[in-house]
Amino acid sequence: MQEEHHKKFIREKILSYKPDFDPEVLKIGADLFRVRQCSAGDRILKAGEICANIFMVQDSITRCYFVNSDGDEKTIWLEPEKTVITDYESFRTLAPSKCDIYCYEDSAVYAIDRQSLMTLYAQYHDWALFGLQVMEEHYCNVLHFRDIFSFNSASDNYALIESYCARYLDVVPLKHLASWLNISAVHLSRIRKEKRNKELG
């Protein structure tokens, strides 16, 4: 039963990118995914490791961050549950990753290794298109939020996060959200307090 649940999640996630996937070709690739259970606080990827997989995270918001020269953590991106993620720079170049990717919640994590994926890309047009759409989606999201965060006020950016994925505000620590917005945690806390006061009347 559990195995069928895993297969169903993988199949549905892939079809969300390409609904007209050939069923037999989809199964060939989906069967190559491995599943493991991650606990809240686990790192899917650690800085210094080569990221040789892409991941589908079923139930957890994930965070990608690096530690700067001052020892401070800087959030690169946050992604909701049921998202395909990886460190694309390390995945493409096979150089050690500069980033950690972190799970906030318990979750099943599905992974397919780079070599298997490259073989699928070479052999099957459907899989090549799937890979292209995954990368386009990820980079468009990263650029979208970077541009908005650069030009909007902090209050507007807080409202954007709330509309994009309200669960971020419940699950992600304030200091991680503040790092993503490139403001201080104190400033973000003040914005949150002001918003709550307005809502209360």
N, C-alpha and C. Protein backbone atom coordinates (compact mmCIF):
# COMPACT_ATOMS: atom_id res chain seq x y z
N MET A 1 0.83 -1.21 0.00
CA MET A 1 0.00 0.00 0.00
C MET A 1 0.87 1.27 0.00
N GLN A 2 1.89 1.28 0.87
CA GLN A 2 2.77 2.44 0.96
C GLN A 2 3.55 2.63 -0.34
N GLU A 3 4.00 1.53 -0.92
CA GLU A 3 4.74 1.62 -2.18
C GLU A 3 3.86 2.19 -3.29
N GLU A 4 2.60 1.77 -3.33
CA GLU A 4 1.68 2.30 -4.33
C GLU A 4 1.44 3.80 -4.13
N HIS A 5 1.39 4.21 -2.87
CA HIS A 5 1.22 5.64 -2.55
C HIS A 5 2.41 6.43 -3.10
N HIS A 6 3.63 5.91 -2.90
CA HIS A 6 4.82 6.59 -3.41
C HIS A 6 4.78 6.69 -4.93
N LYS A 7 4.43 5.60 -5.59
CA LYS A 7 4.40 5.60 -7.05
C LYS A 7 3.35 6.59 -7.57
N LYS A 8 2.22 6.65 -6.88
CA LYS A 8 1.15 7.57 -7.28
C LYS A 8 1.62 9.02 -7.18
N PHE A 9 2.32 9.35 -6.09
CA PHE A 9 2.81 10.72 -5.93
C PHE A 9 3.79 11.08 -7.04
N ILE A 10 4.74 10.19 -7.32
CA ILE A 10 5.73 10.46 -8.37
C ILE A 10 5.04 10.64 -9.72
N ARG A 11 4.14 9.74 -10.02
CA ARG A 11 3.43 9.79 -11.31
C ARG A 11 2.64 11.10 -11.45
N GLU A 12 1.92 11.48 -10.41
CA GLU A 12 1.09 12.68 -10.49
C GLU A 12 1.95 13.94 -10.57
N LYS A 13 3.08 13.94 -9.89
CA LYS A 13 3.95 15.12 -9.94
C LYS A 13 4.54 15.29 -11.34
N ILE A 14 4.98 14.20 -11.93
CA ILE A 14 5.54 14.27 -13.29
C ILE A 14 4.47 14.72 -14.28
N LEU A 15 3.27 14.19 -14.14
CA LEU A 15 2.18 14.55 -15.06
C LEU A 15 1.75 16.00 -14.88
N SER A 16 2.02 16.60 -13.73
CA SER A 16 1.67 18.01 -13.54
C SER A 16 2.52 18.91 -14.43
N TYR A 17 3.69 18.42 -14.82
CA TYR A 17 4.54 19.16 -15.75
C TYR A 17 4.22 18.82 -17.20
N LYS A 18 3.85 17.58 -17.44
CA LYS A 18 3.61 17.14 -18.82
C LYS A 18 2.45 16.14 -18.84
N PRO A 19 1.23 16.64 -18.92
CA PRO A 19 0.05 15.76 -18.81
C PRO A 19 -0.04 14.71 -19.91
N ASP A 20 0.58 14.95 -21.07
CA ASP A 20 0.47 14.00 -22.17
C ASP A 20 1.64 13.02 -22.21
N PHE A 21 2.30 12.82 -21.07
CA PHE A 21 3.43 11.87 -20.97
C PHE A 21 2.98 10.49 -21.43
N ASP A 22 3.77 9.85 -22.26
CA ASP A 22 3.49 8.48 -22.65
C ASP A 22 3.52 7.59 -21.40
N PRO A 23 2.46 6.85 -21.10
CA PRO A 23 2.39 6.08 -19.84
C PRO A 23 3.53 5.09 -19.66
N GLU A 24 3.91 4.39 -20.70
CA GLU A 24 4.99 3.40 -20.57
C GLU A 24 6.33 4.08 -20.33
N VAL A 25 6.56 5.19 -21.03
CA VAL A 25 7.82 5.93 -20.86
C VAL A 25 7.87 6.56 -19.47
N LEU A 26 6.74 7.05 -19.00
CA LEU A 26 6.68 7.61 -17.65
C LEU A 26 7.05 6.56 -16.62
N LYS A 27 6.50 5.36 -16.75
CA LYS A 27 6.76 4.30 -15.78
C LYS A 27 8.24 3.91 -15.76
N ILE A 28 8.87 3.89 -16.93
CA ILE A 28 10.29 3.52 -17.00
C ILE A 28 11.12 4.45 -16.11
N GLY A 29 10.85 5.76 -16.22
CA GLY A 29 11.60 6.71 -15.41
C GLY A 29 11.15 6.77 -13.96
N ALA A 30 9.84 6.70 -13.74
CA ALA A 30 9.33 6.79 -12.37
C ALA A 30 9.86 5.66 -11.50
N ASP A 31 10.07 4.49 -12.11
CA ASP A 31 10.57 3.34 -11.35
C ASP A 31 12.02 3.53 -10.88
N LEU A 32 12.71 4.53 -11.43
CA LEU A 32 14.10 4.78 -11.06
C LEU A 32 14.23 5.69 -9.83
N PHE A 33 13.12 6.29 -9.42
CA PHE A 33 13.15 7.14 -8.22
C PHE A 33 13.28 6.28 -6.97
N ARG A 34 14.09 6.74 -6.04
CA ARG A 34 14.22 6.10 -4.73
C ARG A 34 13.53 6.98 -3.69
N VAL A 35 13.03 6.36 -2.65
CA VAL A 35 12.33 7.12 -1.61
C VAL A 35 13.02 6.91 -0.27
N ARG A 36 13.09 7.99 0.50
CA ARG A 36 13.55 7.88 1.90
C ARG A 36 12.72 8.84 2.74
N GLN A 37 12.64 8.53 4.02
CA GLN A 37 11.90 9.38 4.95
C GLN A 37 12.87 10.34 5.63
N CYS A 38 12.55 11.62 5.56
CA CYS A 38 13.36 12.64 6.24
C CYS A 38 12.58 13.18 7.43
N SER A 39 13.29 13.48 8.49
CA SER A 39 12.69 14.09 9.66
C SER A 39 12.88 15.60 9.61
N ALA A 40 12.05 16.32 10.34
CA ALA A 40 12.20 17.77 10.41
C ALA A 40 13.62 18.10 10.87
N GLY A 41 14.27 19.00 10.14
CA GLY A 41 15.64 19.38 10.47
C GLY A 41 16.69 18.65 9.66
N ASP A 42 16.29 17.59 8.95
CA ASP A 42 17.26 16.87 8.11
C ASP A 42 17.66 17.70 6.91
N ARG A 43 18.89 17.52 6.49
CA ARG A 43 19.39 18.16 5.28
C ARG A 43 19.38 17.15 4.12
N ILE A 44 18.71 17.53 3.05
CA ILE A 44 18.72 16.70 1.85
C ILE A 44 20.08 16.79 1.18
N LEU A 45 20.69 17.95 1.29
CA LEU A 45 22.01 18.20 0.71
C LEU A 45 22.82 19.03 1.69
N LYS A 46 24.10 18.69 1.84
CA LYS A 46 24.99 19.47 2.69
C LYS A 46 26.04 20.16 1.84
N ALA A 47 26.40 21.38 2.23
CA ALA A 47 27.45 22.11 1.53
C ALA A 47 28.72 21.26 1.51
N GLY A 48 29.38 21.24 0.35
CA GLY A 48 30.59 20.43 0.19
C GLY A 48 30.34 19.11 -0.50
N GLU A 49 29.08 18.67 -0.51
CA GLU A 49 28.71 17.46 -1.24
C GLU A 49 28.40 17.81 -2.69
N ILE A 50 28.61 16.85 -3.58
CA ILE A 50 28.17 17.00 -4.97
C ILE A 50 26.69 16.64 -5.04
N CYS A 51 25.90 17.53 -5.59
CA CYS A 51 24.47 17.27 -5.71
C CYS A 51 24.22 16.49 -7.00
N ALA A 52 24.09 15.19 -6.88
CA ALA A 52 23.95 14.33 -8.04
C ALA A 52 22.53 13.79 -8.20
N ASN A 53 21.56 14.47 -7.58
CA ASN A 53 20.15 14.04 -7.65
C ASN A 53 19.24 15.25 -7.80
N ILE A 54 18.06 15.00 -8.36
CA ILE A 54 16.97 15.94 -8.17
C ILE A 54 15.99 15.26 -7.21
N PHE A 55 15.24 16.10 -6.49
CA PHE A 55 14.39 15.60 -5.42
C PHE A 55 12.96 16.09 -5.59
N MET A 56 12.02 15.25 -5.16
CA MET A 56 10.64 15.65 -4.99
C MET A 56 10.34 15.50 -3.50
N VAL A 57 9.93 16.59 -2.87
CA VAL A 57 9.68 16.58 -1.43
C VAL A 57 8.17 16.65 -1.21
N GLN A 58 7.63 15.62 -0.60
CA GLN A 58 6.18 15.47 -0.57
C GLN A 58 5.49 16.39 0.42
N ASP A 59 5.96 16.44 1.66
CA ASP A 59 5.18 17.08 2.72
C ASP A 59 5.86 18.24 3.43
N SER A 60 7.05 18.62 3.01
CA SER A 60 7.79 19.64 3.75
C SER A 60 8.13 20.85 2.88
N ILE A 61 8.01 22.03 3.47
CA ILE A 61 8.64 23.22 2.91
C ILE A 61 10.15 23.01 2.99
N THR A 62 10.87 23.43 1.96
CA THR A 62 12.32 23.28 1.95
C THR A 62 13.00 24.63 1.82
N ARG A 63 14.23 24.68 2.28
CA ARG A 63 15.02 25.91 2.25
C ARG A 63 16.41 25.61 1.71
N CYS A 64 16.88 26.47 0.81
CA CYS A 64 18.26 26.41 0.32
C CYS A 64 18.98 27.64 0.85
N TYR A 65 20.13 27.44 1.47
CA TYR A 65 20.86 28.57 2.04
C TYR A 65 22.36 28.31 2.00
N PHE A 66 23.13 29.38 2.18
CA PHE A 66 24.58 29.25 2.30
C PHE A 66 25.03 30.04 3.52
N VAL A 67 26.24 29.77 3.98
CA VAL A 67 26.81 30.50 5.11
C VAL A 67 27.86 31.44 4.56
N ASN A 68 27.71 32.75 4.83
CA ASN A 68 28.66 33.72 4.27
C ASN A 68 29.93 33.80 5.10
N SER A 69 30.82 34.69 4.70
CA SER A 69 32.14 34.79 5.35
C SER A 69 32.05 35.25 6.80
N ASP A 70 30.93 35.87 7.16
CA ASP A 70 30.73 36.31 8.55
C ASP A 70 30.08 35.23 9.41
N GLY A 71 29.79 34.08 8.78
CA GLY A 71 29.15 33.00 9.52
C GLY A 71 27.64 33.10 9.58
N ASP A 72 27.05 34.03 8.80
CA ASP A 72 25.61 34.19 8.79
C ASP A 72 24.97 33.35 7.69
N GLU A 73 23.81 32.76 8.00
CA GLU A 73 23.07 31.99 7.00
C GLU A 73 22.26 32.93 6.11
N LYS A 74 22.36 32.72 4.79
CA LYS A 74 21.63 33.54 3.83
C LYS A 74 20.72 32.63 3.01
N THR A 75 19.43 32.88 3.08
CA THR A 75 18.44 32.07 2.37
C THR A 75 18.46 32.43 0.88
N ILE A 76 18.63 31.41 0.04
CA ILE A 76 18.58 31.61 -1.42
C ILE A 76 17.16 31.45 -1.92
N TRP A 77 16.50 30.38 -1.50
CA TRP A 77 15.11 30.18 -1.87
C TRP A 77 14.39 29.33 -0.83
N LEU A 78 13.08 29.46 -0.83
CA LEU A 78 12.17 28.60 -0.09
C LEU A 78 11.21 28.01 -1.10
N GLU A 79 10.85 26.74 -0.93
CA GLU A 79 9.90 26.10 -1.84
C GLU A 79 8.82 25.38 -1.02
N PRO A 80 7.57 25.43 -1.49
CA PRO A 80 6.51 24.71 -0.79
C PRO A 80 6.68 23.19 -0.92
N GLU A 81 5.86 22.46 -0.18
CA GLU A 81 5.82 21.01 -0.33
C GLU A 81 5.39 20.65 -1.75
N LYS A 82 5.66 19.41 -2.14
CA LYS A 82 5.31 18.88 -3.46
C LYS A 82 6.02 19.62 -4.59
N THR A 83 7.28 20.01 -4.32
CA THR A 83 8.07 20.74 -5.31
C THR A 83 9.29 19.91 -5.70
N VAL A 84 9.70 20.05 -6.96
CA VAL A 84 10.93 19.42 -7.44
C VAL A 84 12.08 20.39 -7.17
N ILE A 85 13.11 19.93 -6.48
CA ILE A 85 14.21 20.82 -6.10
C ILE A 85 15.56 20.13 -6.32
N THR A 86 16.59 20.96 -6.39
CA THR A 86 17.97 20.50 -6.38
C THR A 86 18.85 21.74 -6.32
N ASP A 87 20.16 21.56 -6.19
CA ASP A 87 21.11 22.64 -6.40
C ASP A 87 21.56 22.50 -7.85
N TYR A 88 20.96 23.30 -8.72
CA TYR A 88 21.18 23.10 -10.15
C TYR A 88 22.63 23.36 -10.57
N GLU A 89 23.32 24.27 -9.90
CA GLU A 89 24.71 24.53 -10.25
C GLU A 89 25.58 23.30 -10.00
N SER A 90 25.45 22.72 -8.83
CA SER A 90 26.22 21.52 -8.51
C SER A 90 25.76 20.34 -9.36
N PHE A 91 24.45 20.23 -9.57
CA PHE A 91 23.90 19.13 -10.37
C PHE A 91 24.44 19.18 -11.80
N ARG A 92 24.57 20.38 -12.37
CA ARG A 92 25.01 20.52 -13.76
C ARG A 92 26.51 20.35 -13.90
N THR A 93 27.29 20.90 -12.96
CA THR A 93 28.75 20.90 -13.09
C THR A 93 29.43 19.77 -12.35
N LEU A 94 28.69 19.13 -11.42
CA LEU A 94 29.24 18.10 -10.53
C LEU A 94 30.35 18.66 -9.63
N ALA A 95 30.29 19.97 -9.38
CA ALA A 95 31.19 20.60 -8.42
C ALA A 95 30.53 20.54 -7.03
N PRO A 96 31.32 20.55 -5.98
CA PRO A 96 30.73 20.53 -4.64
C PRO A 96 29.76 21.70 -4.45
N SER A 97 28.66 21.42 -3.79
CA SER A 97 27.65 22.45 -3.56
C SER A 97 28.13 23.45 -2.52
N LYS A 98 27.73 24.70 -2.71
CA LYS A 98 28.00 25.74 -1.73
C LYS A 98 26.85 25.88 -0.74
N CYS A 99 25.81 25.09 -0.95
CA CYS A 99 24.55 25.30 -0.24
C CYS A 99 24.14 24.08 0.58
N ASP A 100 23.28 24.33 1.53
CA ASP A 100 22.55 23.28 2.23
C ASP A 100 21.09 23.37 1.80
N ILE A 101 20.44 22.23 1.65
CA ILE A 101 19.00 22.18 1.41
C ILE A 101 18.38 21.43 2.58
N TYR A 102 17.37 22.03 3.16
CA TYR A 102 16.90 21.68 4.49
C TYR A 102 15.39 21.43 4.48
N CYS A 103 14.95 20.39 5.20
CA CYS A 103 13.53 20.10 5.38
C CYS A 103 13.07 20.66 6.73
N TYR A 104 11.97 21.40 6.72
CA TYR A 104 11.41 21.90 7.97
C TYR A 104 10.50 20.89 8.66
N GLU A 105 10.00 19.92 7.89
CA GLU A 105 8.98 19.00 8.42
C GLU A 105 9.32 17.57 8.02
N ASP A 106 8.71 16.62 8.71
CA ASP A 106 8.84 15.22 8.32
C ASP A 106 8.27 15.04 6.91
N SER A 107 8.94 14.26 6.09
CA SER A 107 8.45 14.10 4.72
C SER A 107 9.12 12.92 4.04
N ALA A 108 8.38 12.34 3.10
CA ALA A 108 9.00 11.43 2.13
C ALA A 108 9.71 12.28 1.10
N VAL A 109 10.92 11.86 0.74
CA VAL A 109 11.71 12.56 -0.28
C VAL A 109 12.07 11.55 -1.37
N TYR A 110 11.73 11.90 -2.60
CA TYR A 110 11.99 11.03 -3.75
C TYR A 110 13.16 11.59 -4.53
N ALA A 111 14.09 10.72 -4.94
CA ALA A 111 15.29 11.19 -5.63
C ALA A 111 15.58 10.31 -6.84
N ILE A 112 16.08 10.97 -7.89
CA ILE A 112 16.59 10.25 -9.06
C ILE A 112 17.98 10.80 -9.35
N ASP A 113 18.93 9.91 -9.60
CA ASP A 113 20.31 10.37 -9.77
C ASP A 113 20.54 10.94 -11.17
N ARG A 114 21.57 11.74 -11.28
CA ARG A 114 21.86 12.48 -12.50
C ARG A 114 22.08 11.56 -13.70
N GLN A 115 22.84 10.50 -13.50
CA GLN A 115 23.13 9.62 -14.63
C GLN A 115 21.86 8.98 -15.18
N SER A 116 21.00 8.53 -14.29
CA SER A 116 19.73 7.94 -14.75
C SER A 116 18.90 8.97 -15.50
N LEU A 117 18.88 10.19 -14.98
CA LEU A 117 18.09 11.24 -15.62
C LEU A 117 18.66 11.60 -16.99
N MET A 118 19.99 11.69 -17.09
CA MET A 118 20.60 12.01 -18.38
C MET A 118 20.30 10.92 -19.42
N THR A 119 20.28 9.67 -18.97
CA THR A 119 19.94 8.57 -19.87
C THR A 119 18.50 8.69 -20.35
N LEU A 120 17.60 9.02 -19.43
CA LEU A 120 16.20 9.22 -19.81
C LEU A 120 16.06 10.37 -20.80
N TYR A 121 16.78 11.47 -20.55
CA TYR A 121 16.72 12.61 -21.46
C TYR A 121 17.16 12.21 -22.87
N ALA A 122 18.22 11.42 -22.93
CA ALA A 122 18.78 11.04 -24.24
C ALA A 122 17.87 10.06 -24.99
N GLN A 123 17.16 9.22 -24.25
CA GLN A 123 16.38 8.17 -24.89
C GLN A 123 14.92 8.55 -25.15
N TYR A 124 14.38 9.46 -24.34
CA TYR A 124 12.95 9.73 -24.42
C TYR A 124 12.67 11.23 -24.46
N HIS A 125 11.98 11.64 -25.51
CA HIS A 125 11.63 13.05 -25.71
C HIS A 125 10.78 13.56 -24.54
N ASP A 126 9.86 12.75 -24.06
CA ASP A 126 9.00 13.18 -22.95
C ASP A 126 9.81 13.56 -21.72
N TRP A 127 10.81 12.75 -21.41
CA TRP A 127 11.62 13.03 -20.23
C TRP A 127 12.48 14.27 -20.42
N ALA A 128 12.98 14.48 -21.64
CA ALA A 128 13.77 15.69 -21.91
C ALA A 128 12.92 16.94 -21.71
N LEU A 129 11.67 16.90 -22.18
CA LEU A 129 10.78 18.04 -22.00
C LEU A 129 10.42 18.25 -20.53
N PHE A 130 10.24 17.15 -19.81
CA PHE A 130 9.99 17.24 -18.37
C PHE A 130 11.14 17.97 -17.68
N GLY A 131 12.37 17.57 -17.96
CA GLY A 131 13.53 18.20 -17.34
C GLY A 131 13.63 19.67 -17.66
N LEU A 132 13.34 20.03 -18.89
CA LEU A 132 13.38 21.42 -19.30
C LEU A 132 12.34 22.25 -18.54
N GLN A 133 11.14 21.71 -18.41
CA GLN A 133 10.08 22.45 -17.72
C GLN A 133 10.38 22.61 -16.23
N VAL A 134 10.97 21.59 -15.62
CA VAL A 134 11.34 21.69 -14.20
C VAL A 134 12.34 22.82 -13.99
N MET A 135 13.38 22.86 -14.83
CA MET A 135 14.41 23.89 -14.68
C MET A 135 13.86 25.28 -14.96
N GLU A 136 13.03 25.39 -16.00
CA GLU A 136 12.43 26.70 -16.32
C GLU A 136 11.58 27.20 -15.16
N GLU A 137 10.77 26.31 -14.58
CA GLU A 137 9.92 26.71 -13.47
C GLU A 137 10.75 27.20 -12.29
N HIS A 138 11.79 26.45 -11.95
CA HIS A 138 12.61 26.80 -10.80
C HIS A 138 13.28 28.16 -11.00
N TYR A 139 13.92 28.34 -12.14
CA TYR A 139 14.65 29.59 -12.35
C TYR A 139 13.72 30.78 -12.52
N CYS A 140 12.57 30.59 -13.12
CA CYS A 140 11.60 31.68 -13.22
C CYS A 140 11.13 32.10 -11.83
N ASN A 141 10.89 31.12 -10.94
CA ASN A 141 10.48 31.44 -9.57
C ASN A 141 11.57 32.20 -8.82
N VAL A 142 12.81 31.72 -8.94
CA VAL A 142 13.93 32.38 -8.25
C VAL A 142 14.08 33.82 -8.74
N LEU A 143 14.05 34.02 -10.05
CA LEU A 143 14.21 35.36 -10.61
C LEU A 143 13.02 36.25 -10.26
N HIS A 144 11.83 35.67 -10.29
CA HIS A 144 10.62 36.42 -9.97
C HIS A 144 10.70 37.00 -8.57
N PHE A 145 11.02 36.15 -7.59
CA PHE A 145 11.08 36.64 -6.22
C PHE A 145 12.26 37.58 -6.01
N ARG A 146 13.39 37.30 -6.66
CA ARG A 146 14.54 38.20 -6.51
C ARG A 146 14.20 39.60 -7.00
N ASP A 147 13.58 39.69 -8.16
CA ASP A 147 13.23 41.00 -8.72
C ASP A 147 12.20 41.73 -7.86
N ILE A 148 11.18 41.00 -7.41
CA ILE A 148 10.15 41.63 -6.58
C ILE A 148 10.73 42.09 -5.25
N PHE A 149 11.52 41.24 -4.60
CA PHE A 149 12.09 41.60 -3.31
C PHE A 149 13.03 42.80 -3.42
N SER A 150 13.63 42.98 -4.60
CA SER A 150 14.58 44.08 -4.80
C SER A 150 13.89 45.43 -4.91
N PHE A 151 12.65 45.44 -5.40
CA PHE A 151 12.01 46.71 -5.72
C PHE A 151 10.80 47.04 -4.85
N ASN A 152 10.22 46.07 -4.20
CA ASN A 152 9.06 46.32 -3.35
C ASN A 152 9.49 46.71 -1.94
N SER A 153 8.57 47.27 -1.20
CA SER A 153 8.83 47.53 0.22
C SER A 153 8.79 46.21 0.98
N ALA A 154 9.37 46.21 2.17
CA ALA A 154 9.37 45.00 3.00
C ALA A 154 7.94 44.57 3.33
N SER A 155 7.06 45.54 3.57
CA SER A 155 5.66 45.21 3.88
C SER A 155 4.97 44.55 2.70
N ASP A 156 5.24 45.07 1.49
CA ASP A 156 4.67 44.46 0.29
C ASP A 156 5.20 43.04 0.09
N ASN A 157 6.47 42.85 0.39
CA ASN A 157 7.06 41.52 0.22
C ASN A 157 6.49 40.52 1.23
N TYR A 158 6.22 40.99 2.44
CA TYR A 158 5.59 40.13 3.44
C TYR A 158 4.21 39.70 2.95
N ALA A 159 3.46 40.65 2.38
CA ALA A 159 2.12 40.34 1.85
C ALA A 159 2.22 39.36 0.69
N LEU A 160 3.27 39.48 -0.13
CA LEU A 160 3.47 38.55 -1.24
C LEU A 160 3.70 37.14 -0.73
N ILE A 161 4.54 36.99 0.27
CA ILE A 161 4.78 35.67 0.85
C ILE A 161 3.49 35.08 1.39
N GLU A 162 2.71 35.90 2.05
CA GLU A 162 1.45 35.44 2.63
C GLU A 162 0.50 34.93 1.55
N SER A 163 0.46 35.59 0.40
CA SER A 163 -0.45 35.17 -0.68
C SER A 163 0.12 33.99 -1.46
N TYR A 164 1.46 33.91 -1.57
CA TYR A 164 2.08 32.84 -2.34
C TYR A 164 2.01 31.51 -1.60
N CYS A 165 2.38 31.52 -0.34
CA CYS A 165 2.35 30.29 0.46
C CYS A 165 2.24 30.69 1.93
N ALA A 166 1.01 30.80 2.41
CA ALA A 166 0.78 31.26 3.78
C ALA A 166 1.44 30.35 4.81
N ARG A 167 1.65 29.09 4.45
CA ARG A 167 2.27 28.15 5.41
C ARG A 167 3.70 28.56 5.75
N TYR A 168 4.36 29.32 4.86
CA TYR A 168 5.70 29.82 5.20
C TYR A 168 5.67 30.56 6.54
N LEU A 169 4.62 31.33 6.76
CA LEU A 169 4.55 32.16 7.96
C LEU A 169 4.33 31.34 9.22
N ASP A 170 3.83 30.12 9.07
CA ASP A 170 3.61 29.23 10.21
C ASP A 170 4.79 28.29 10.46
N VAL A 171 5.50 27.94 9.38
CA VAL A 171 6.51 26.88 9.48
C VAL A 171 7.94 27.42 9.48
N VAL A 172 8.21 28.43 8.69
CA VAL A 172 9.58 28.92 8.51
C VAL A 172 9.93 29.91 9.61
N PRO A 173 11.04 29.71 10.32
CA PRO A 173 11.44 30.66 11.36
C PRO A 173 11.59 32.08 10.81
N LEU A 174 11.28 33.04 11.63
CA LEU A 174 11.29 34.44 11.22
C LEU A 174 12.65 34.86 10.65
N LYS A 175 13.73 34.39 11.26
CA LYS A 175 15.06 34.80 10.80
C LYS A 175 15.35 34.27 9.39
N HIS A 176 14.78 33.11 9.04
CA HIS A 176 14.99 32.57 7.70
C HIS A 176 14.19 33.36 6.67
N LEU A 177 12.94 33.74 7.02
CA LEU A 177 12.16 34.59 6.13
C LEU A 177 12.83 35.95 5.95
N ALA A 178 13.34 36.51 7.05
CA ALA A 178 14.01 37.81 6.98
C ALA A 178 15.24 37.76 6.09
N SER A 179 15.97 36.67 6.19
CA SER A 179 17.16 36.50 5.34
C SER A 179 16.77 36.46 3.87
N TRP A 180 15.67 35.75 3.56
CA TRP A 180 15.19 35.68 2.18
C TRP A 180 14.80 37.06 1.66
N LEU A 181 14.15 37.85 2.53
CA LEU A 181 13.72 39.20 2.16
C LEU A 181 14.85 40.23 2.24
N ASN A 182 15.98 39.80 2.79
CA ASN A 182 17.15 40.67 2.94
C ASN A 182 16.86 41.86 3.87
N ILE A 183 16.16 41.55 4.96
CA ILE A 183 15.92 42.54 6.00
C ILE A 183 16.23 41.90 7.34
N SER A 184 16.25 42.69 8.39
CA SER A 184 16.54 42.13 9.71
C SER A 184 15.31 41.42 10.27
N ALA A 185 15.54 40.46 11.13
CA ALA A 185 14.44 39.75 11.77
C ALA A 185 13.60 40.70 12.63
N VAL A 186 14.26 41.71 13.20
CA VAL A 186 13.54 42.71 14.02
C VAL A 186 12.56 43.49 13.14
N HIS A 187 13.03 43.89 11.96
CA HIS A 187 12.17 44.63 11.02
C HIS A 187 10.98 43.77 10.60
N LEU A 188 11.23 42.50 10.29
CA LEU A 188 10.15 41.61 9.87
C LEU A 188 9.16 41.39 11.00
N SER A 189 9.67 41.25 12.21
CA SER A 189 8.79 41.06 13.37
C SER A 189 7.88 42.28 13.55
N ARG A 190 8.43 43.46 13.31
CA ARG A 190 7.63 44.68 13.43
C ARG A 190 6.53 44.72 12.36
N ILE A 191 6.88 44.32 11.13
CA ILE A 191 5.88 44.27 10.05
C ILE A 191 4.76 43.30 10.41
N ARG A 192 5.12 42.14 10.92
CA ARG A 192 4.12 41.14 11.30
C ARG A 192 3.21 41.67 12.40
N LYS A 193 3.81 42.34 13.39
CA LYS A 193 3.02 42.88 14.50
C LYS A 193 2.06 43.96 14.01
N GLU A 194 2.53 44.85 13.14
CA GLU A 194 1.68 45.91 12.61
C GLU A 194 0.51 45.34 11.82
N LYS A 195 0.80 44.29 11.05
CA LYS A 195 -0.27 43.67 10.25
C LYS A 195 -1.31 43.03 11.17
N ARG A 196 -0.88 42.36 12.19
CA ARG A 196 -1.82 41.73 13.12
C ARG A 196 -2.67 42.77 13.84
N ASN A 197 -2.05 43.89 14.21
CA ASN A 197 -2.79 44.96 14.88
C ASN A 197 -3.87 45.53 13.99
N LYS A 198 -3.57 45.68 12.69
CA LYS A 198 -4.55 46.18 11.74
C LYS A 198 -5.72 45.21 11.59
N GLU A 199 -5.39 43.92 11.57
CA GLU A 199 -6.43 42.91 11.41
C GLU A 199 -7.36 42.87 12.63
N LEU A 200 -6.79 43.20 13.81
CA LEU A 200 -7.59 43.16 15.03
C LEU A 200 -8.42 44.44 15.19
N GLY A 201 -8.16 45.40 14.33
CA GLY A 201 -9.05 46.53 14.34
C GLY A 201 -8.43 47.84 14.67
